[in-house]
């Protein structure tokens, strides 16, 4: 039969999205309505799914101290939603230090997503 050489490429790192968005302006009530941080591959030929295992939400409100809340899993918890409820238009929200696990079991760091509340 013979042998054949194959080139193998590493699966790229996923990107994070919330409500289908990865940055920009986000209406406050729409962000509060979101339930999870999702890690997905863009422009990749195969269906491979990543699961977010943890992340941190940082809320920077004008004239106030920043609020940092850690999340386990991918869910935006009630503490985070409560903090967002007190935010105003123009405040910044960062979802950062996102970790995700792929089907091979390896943990990947996912770039942060940043929003300005409307």
N, C-alpha and C. Protein backbone atom coordinates (compact mmCIF):
# COMPACT_ATOMS: atom_id res chain seq x y z
N UNK A 1 0.80 -1.20 0.00
CA UNK A 1 0.00 0.00 0.00
C UNK A 1 0.84 1.26 0.00
N UNK A 2 1.94 1.35 0.66
CA UNK A 2 2.75 2.56 0.66
C UNK A 2 2.37 3.49 1.81
N UNK A 3 3.08 4.59 1.88
CA UNK A 3 2.80 5.56 2.95
C UNK A 3 2.50 6.92 2.33
N UNK A 4 1.87 7.74 3.12
CA UNK A 4 1.48 9.06 2.67
C UNK A 4 1.78 10.05 3.79
N UNK A 5 2.35 11.20 3.47
CA UNK A 5 2.58 12.24 4.45
C UNK A 5 1.39 13.18 4.49
N UNK A 6 1.02 13.55 5.71
CA UNK A 6 -0.05 14.50 5.92
C UNK A 6 0.48 15.68 6.71
N UNK A 7 0.03 16.85 6.34
CA UNK A 7 0.33 18.03 7.14
C UNK A 7 -0.83 18.24 8.10
N UNK A 8 -0.50 18.47 9.35
CA UNK A 8 -1.53 18.66 10.36
C UNK A 8 -1.38 20.06 10.94
N UNK A 9 -2.49 20.75 11.00
CA UNK A 9 -2.52 22.10 11.53
C UNK A 9 -3.19 22.11 12.89
N UNK A 10 -2.69 22.94 13.79
CA UNK A 10 -3.31 23.08 15.10
C UNK A 10 -4.64 23.81 14.94
N UNK A 11 -5.62 23.38 15.72
CA UNK A 11 -6.90 24.07 15.71
C UNK A 11 -6.69 25.45 16.32
N UNK A 12 -7.18 26.51 15.67
CA UNK A 12 -6.95 27.87 16.19
C UNK A 12 -7.67 28.10 17.51
N UNK A 13 -7.22 29.13 18.22
CA UNK A 13 -7.88 29.50 19.46
C UNK A 13 -9.26 30.07 19.15
N UNK A 14 -10.22 29.79 20.01
CA UNK A 14 -11.57 30.36 19.79
C UNK A 14 -11.60 31.83 20.17
N UNK A 15 -12.67 32.49 19.80
CA UNK A 15 -12.93 33.86 20.21
C UNK A 15 -14.19 33.86 21.08
N UNK A 16 -14.28 34.82 21.96
CA UNK A 16 -15.45 34.91 22.84
C UNK A 16 -16.49 35.84 22.23
N UNK A 17 -17.74 35.50 22.48
CA UNK A 17 -18.85 36.34 22.05
C UNK A 17 -19.93 36.32 23.12
N UNK A 18 -20.62 37.43 23.21
CA UNK A 18 -21.78 37.54 24.08
C UNK A 18 -22.90 38.10 23.23
N UNK A 19 -23.98 37.37 23.13
CA UNK A 19 -25.08 37.82 22.29
C UNK A 19 -24.68 37.99 20.84
N UNK A 20 -23.71 37.18 20.40
CA UNK A 20 -23.24 37.24 19.02
C UNK A 20 -22.28 38.38 18.72
N UNK A 21 -21.91 39.15 19.75
CA UNK A 21 -21.02 40.30 19.56
C UNK A 21 -19.69 40.07 20.27
N UNK A 22 -18.63 40.62 19.70
CA UNK A 22 -17.32 40.50 20.34
C UNK A 22 -16.73 41.84 20.76
N UNK A 23 -17.38 42.94 20.43
CA UNK A 23 -16.95 44.27 20.89
C UNK A 23 -17.95 45.31 20.43
N UNK A 24 -17.71 46.55 20.84
CA UNK A 24 -18.55 47.65 20.38
C UNK A 24 -19.56 48.11 21.43
N UNK A 25 -20.59 48.75 20.96
CA UNK A 25 -21.66 49.24 21.84
C UNK A 25 -22.67 48.13 22.08
N UNK A 26 -23.22 48.12 23.31
CA UNK A 26 -24.20 47.09 23.67
C UNK A 26 -25.25 47.77 24.56
N UNK A 27 -26.52 47.71 24.19
CA UNK A 27 -27.56 48.27 25.06
C UNK A 27 -27.53 47.56 26.42
N UNK A 28 -27.63 48.33 27.49
CA UNK A 28 -27.52 47.78 28.84
C UNK A 28 -28.51 46.66 29.07
N UNK A 29 -29.78 46.88 28.76
CA UNK A 29 -30.79 45.85 29.01
C UNK A 29 -30.57 44.61 28.17
N UNK A 30 -30.04 44.77 26.98
CA UNK A 30 -29.74 43.60 26.14
C UNK A 30 -28.58 42.80 26.72
N UNK A 31 -27.59 43.48 27.30
CA UNK A 31 -26.48 42.77 27.92
C UNK A 31 -26.94 42.04 29.18
N UNK A 32 -27.78 42.68 29.97
CA UNK A 32 -28.32 42.02 31.17
C UNK A 32 -29.13 40.78 30.79
N UNK A 33 -29.78 40.81 29.64
CA UNK A 33 -30.60 39.67 29.19
C UNK A 33 -29.77 38.48 28.71
N UNK A 34 -28.48 38.69 28.44
CA UNK A 34 -27.63 37.59 27.96
C UNK A 34 -27.37 36.63 29.11
N UNK A 35 -27.18 35.37 28.77
CA UNK A 35 -27.01 34.37 29.82
C UNK A 35 -25.60 33.78 29.89
N UNK A 36 -24.80 33.91 28.82
CA UNK A 36 -23.52 33.20 28.84
C UNK A 36 -22.48 33.84 27.94
N UNK A 37 -21.23 33.51 28.25
CA UNK A 37 -20.08 33.84 27.40
C UNK A 37 -19.83 32.59 26.55
N UNK A 38 -19.79 32.75 25.25
CA UNK A 38 -19.63 31.63 24.33
C UNK A 38 -18.26 31.74 23.64
N UNK A 39 -17.57 30.61 23.54
CA UNK A 39 -16.31 30.56 22.80
C UNK A 39 -16.55 29.79 21.51
N UNK A 40 -16.21 30.40 20.38
CA UNK A 40 -16.44 29.72 19.10
C UNK A 40 -15.30 30.00 18.13
N UNK A 41 -15.23 29.16 17.13
CA UNK A 41 -14.22 29.31 16.08
C UNK A 41 -14.86 30.05 14.92
N UNK A 42 -14.16 31.05 14.41
CA UNK A 42 -14.64 31.76 13.23
C UNK A 42 -13.85 31.29 12.02
N UNK A 43 -14.55 31.15 10.90
CA UNK A 43 -13.92 30.79 9.63
C UNK A 43 -13.08 29.53 9.73
N UNK A 44 -13.62 28.50 10.36
CA UNK A 44 -12.93 27.22 10.48
C UNK A 44 -13.80 26.17 9.80
N UNK A 45 -13.17 25.24 9.11
CA UNK A 45 -13.90 24.29 8.26
C UNK A 45 -14.67 23.21 9.01
N UNK A 46 -14.33 22.95 10.25
CA UNK A 46 -14.94 21.85 10.98
C UNK A 46 -15.71 22.36 12.18
N UNK A 47 -16.72 21.59 12.58
CA UNK A 47 -17.51 21.96 13.75
C UNK A 47 -16.82 21.44 15.00
N UNK A 48 -16.15 22.33 15.68
CA UNK A 48 -15.47 22.00 16.93
C UNK A 48 -15.99 22.98 17.96
N UNK A 49 -16.37 22.46 19.12
CA UNK A 49 -16.97 23.30 20.14
C UNK A 49 -16.07 23.41 21.36
N UNK A 50 -16.00 24.62 21.90
CA UNK A 50 -15.25 24.91 23.11
C UNK A 50 -16.23 25.26 24.22
N UNK A 51 -15.85 24.93 25.44
CA UNK A 51 -16.68 25.23 26.60
C UNK A 51 -15.92 26.20 27.49
N UNK A 52 -16.52 27.36 27.76
CA UNK A 52 -15.91 28.34 28.66
C UNK A 52 -15.99 27.78 30.07
N UNK A 53 -14.85 27.78 30.76
CA UNK A 53 -14.80 27.24 32.13
C UNK A 53 -14.74 28.32 33.19
N UNK A 54 -14.20 29.50 32.86
CA UNK A 54 -14.19 30.61 33.81
C UNK A 54 -13.85 31.90 33.08
N UNK A 55 -14.20 33.01 33.74
CA UNK A 55 -13.92 34.34 33.19
C UNK A 55 -14.11 35.36 34.30
N UNK A 56 -13.72 36.60 34.03
CA UNK A 56 -13.93 37.70 34.97
C UNK A 56 -14.62 38.83 34.23
N UNK A 57 -15.64 39.40 34.87
CA UNK A 57 -16.31 40.57 34.33
C UNK A 57 -15.83 41.79 35.12
N UNK A 58 -15.38 42.82 34.42
CA UNK A 58 -14.96 44.06 35.05
C UNK A 58 -15.85 45.18 34.53
N UNK A 59 -16.42 45.93 35.44
CA UNK A 59 -17.30 47.04 35.10
C UNK A 59 -16.64 48.33 35.55
N UNK A 60 -16.42 49.23 34.61
CA UNK A 60 -15.80 50.52 34.89
C UNK A 60 -16.85 51.60 34.73
N UNK A 61 -17.33 52.10 35.88
CA UNK A 61 -18.36 53.12 35.90
C UNK A 61 -17.72 54.49 36.10
N UNK A 62 -18.25 55.48 35.41
CA UNK A 62 -17.71 56.84 35.51
C UNK A 62 -17.82 57.35 36.94
N UNK A 63 -16.67 57.79 37.49
CA UNK A 63 -16.66 58.39 38.81
C UNK A 63 -16.76 57.41 39.97
N UNK A 64 -16.71 56.11 39.69
CA UNK A 64 -16.83 55.10 40.75
C UNK A 64 -15.71 54.09 40.62
N UNK A 65 -15.49 53.34 41.69
CA UNK A 65 -14.47 52.30 41.67
C UNK A 65 -14.90 51.17 40.73
N UNK A 66 -13.93 50.53 40.08
CA UNK A 66 -14.27 49.39 39.21
C UNK A 66 -14.83 48.23 40.02
N UNK A 67 -15.67 47.44 39.37
CA UNK A 67 -16.25 46.25 39.99
C UNK A 67 -15.73 45.05 39.21
N UNK A 68 -15.08 44.11 39.93
CA UNK A 68 -14.57 42.87 39.32
C UNK A 68 -15.32 41.69 39.92
N UNK A 69 -15.89 40.86 39.05
CA UNK A 69 -16.64 39.69 39.50
C UNK A 69 -16.16 38.47 38.72
N UNK A 70 -15.75 37.44 39.44
CA UNK A 70 -15.28 36.19 38.82
C UNK A 70 -16.48 35.30 38.53
N UNK A 71 -16.41 34.60 37.41
CA UNK A 71 -17.46 33.65 37.05
C UNK A 71 -16.88 32.27 36.82
N UNK A 72 -17.56 31.26 37.32
CA UNK A 72 -17.19 29.87 37.05
C UNK A 72 -18.13 29.33 35.99
N UNK A 73 -17.60 28.60 35.05
CA UNK A 73 -18.41 28.15 33.93
C UNK A 73 -18.58 29.30 32.95
N UNK A 74 -19.62 29.23 32.15
CA UNK A 74 -19.81 30.27 31.14
C UNK A 74 -20.99 31.20 31.43
N UNK A 75 -21.68 30.99 32.55
CA UNK A 75 -22.89 31.75 32.82
C UNK A 75 -22.61 33.13 33.40
N UNK A 76 -23.38 34.10 32.92
CA UNK A 76 -23.36 35.44 33.49
C UNK A 76 -24.30 35.38 34.70
N UNK A 77 -23.72 35.41 35.89
CA UNK A 77 -24.51 35.14 37.10
C UNK A 77 -25.30 36.36 37.57
N UNK A 78 -26.12 36.15 38.62
CA UNK A 78 -27.00 37.21 39.12
C UNK A 78 -26.21 38.37 39.72
N UNK A 79 -25.05 38.12 40.31
CA UNK A 79 -24.21 39.20 40.85
C UNK A 79 -23.74 40.11 39.72
N UNK A 80 -23.35 39.52 38.61
CA UNK A 80 -22.92 40.30 37.45
C UNK A 80 -24.07 41.12 36.88
N UNK A 81 -25.25 40.49 36.78
CA UNK A 81 -26.40 41.19 36.24
C UNK A 81 -26.83 42.33 37.15
N UNK A 82 -26.71 42.13 38.45
CA UNK A 82 -27.04 43.18 39.41
C UNK A 82 -26.09 44.37 39.26
N UNK A 83 -24.80 44.09 39.10
CA UNK A 83 -23.82 45.16 38.90
C UNK A 83 -24.11 45.91 37.60
N UNK A 84 -24.47 45.18 36.55
CA UNK A 84 -24.80 45.82 35.28
C UNK A 84 -26.06 46.68 35.40
N UNK A 85 -26.98 46.26 36.26
CA UNK A 85 -28.21 47.02 36.46
C UNK A 85 -27.95 48.42 37.00
N UNK A 86 -26.85 48.60 37.75
CA UNK A 86 -26.50 49.91 38.29
C UNK A 86 -25.62 50.74 37.37
N UNK A 87 -25.32 50.20 36.22
CA UNK A 87 -24.45 50.91 35.27
C UNK A 87 -25.25 51.93 34.45
N UNK A 88 -24.51 52.84 33.83
CA UNK A 88 -25.12 53.87 32.99
C UNK A 88 -24.53 53.83 31.60
N UNK A 89 -25.18 54.53 30.69
CA UNK A 89 -24.67 54.64 29.32
C UNK A 89 -23.27 55.24 29.36
N UNK A 90 -22.38 54.68 28.59
CA UNK A 90 -20.99 55.14 28.52
C UNK A 90 -20.05 54.35 29.41
N UNK A 91 -20.59 53.58 30.36
CA UNK A 91 -19.74 52.73 31.20
C UNK A 91 -19.16 51.60 30.37
N UNK A 92 -18.00 51.12 30.79
CA UNK A 92 -17.29 50.08 30.05
C UNK A 92 -17.42 48.75 30.77
N UNK A 93 -17.61 47.68 30.00
CA UNK A 93 -17.70 46.32 30.56
C UNK A 93 -16.70 45.45 29.82
N UNK A 94 -15.86 44.76 30.59
CA UNK A 94 -14.85 43.87 30.03
C UNK A 94 -15.09 42.46 30.53
N UNK A 95 -15.13 41.52 29.63
CA UNK A 95 -15.15 40.11 29.98
C UNK A 95 -13.76 39.60 29.61
N UNK A 96 -12.97 39.28 30.62
CA UNK A 96 -11.56 38.98 30.39
C UNK A 96 -11.13 37.75 31.17
N UNK A 97 -9.87 37.37 30.97
CA UNK A 97 -9.30 36.17 31.59
C UNK A 97 -10.20 34.96 31.32
N UNK A 98 -10.66 34.86 30.09
CA UNK A 98 -11.57 33.79 29.70
C UNK A 98 -10.76 32.54 29.39
N UNK A 99 -11.18 31.43 29.97
CA UNK A 99 -10.55 30.13 29.72
C UNK A 99 -11.59 29.21 29.13
N UNK A 100 -11.19 28.44 28.12
CA UNK A 100 -12.10 27.50 27.47
C UNK A 100 -11.39 26.18 27.23
N UNK A 101 -12.17 25.10 27.23
CA UNK A 101 -11.63 23.77 27.01
C UNK A 101 -12.24 23.22 25.72
N UNK A 102 -11.37 22.67 24.87
CA UNK A 102 -11.81 22.09 23.61
C UNK A 102 -12.07 20.61 23.74
N UNK A 103 -12.46 19.97 22.65
CA UNK A 103 -12.76 18.54 22.68
C UNK A 103 -11.54 17.67 23.02
N UNK A 104 -10.33 18.19 22.82
CA UNK A 104 -9.14 17.42 23.16
C UNK A 104 -8.76 17.56 24.63
N UNK A 105 -9.51 18.39 25.39
CA UNK A 105 -9.28 18.55 26.82
C UNK A 105 -8.26 19.60 27.18
N UNK A 106 -7.65 20.25 26.20
CA UNK A 106 -6.66 21.27 26.52
C UNK A 106 -7.36 22.61 26.79
N UNK A 107 -6.81 23.34 27.75
CA UNK A 107 -7.36 24.64 28.11
C UNK A 107 -6.71 25.71 27.27
N UNK A 108 -7.53 26.61 26.76
CA UNK A 108 -7.04 27.72 25.94
C UNK A 108 -7.45 29.04 26.58
N UNK A 109 -6.58 30.03 26.44
CA UNK A 109 -6.93 31.39 26.84
C UNK A 109 -7.62 32.06 25.66
N UNK A 110 -8.72 32.71 25.94
CA UNK A 110 -9.54 33.34 24.90
C UNK A 110 -9.42 34.86 25.07
N UNK A 111 -9.22 35.59 23.98
CA UNK A 111 -9.13 37.06 24.08
C UNK A 111 -10.39 37.66 24.71
N UNK A 112 -10.20 38.76 25.41
CA UNK A 112 -11.32 39.42 26.09
C UNK A 112 -12.27 40.07 25.09
N UNK A 113 -13.49 40.31 25.58
CA UNK A 113 -14.48 41.07 24.80
C UNK A 113 -14.84 42.30 25.62
N UNK A 114 -14.96 43.43 24.93
CA UNK A 114 -15.16 44.72 25.61
C UNK A 114 -16.35 45.43 25.00
N UNK A 115 -17.17 46.00 25.87
CA UNK A 115 -18.36 46.71 25.41
C UNK A 115 -18.49 48.06 26.10
N UNK A 116 -19.11 48.99 25.39
CA UNK A 116 -19.52 50.26 25.96
C UNK A 116 -21.04 50.22 26.06
N UNK A 117 -21.56 50.47 27.26
CA UNK A 117 -23.00 50.40 27.44
C UNK A 117 -23.69 51.60 26.81
N UNK A 118 -24.85 51.34 26.23
CA UNK A 118 -25.67 52.40 25.62
C UNK A 118 -26.84 52.69 26.53
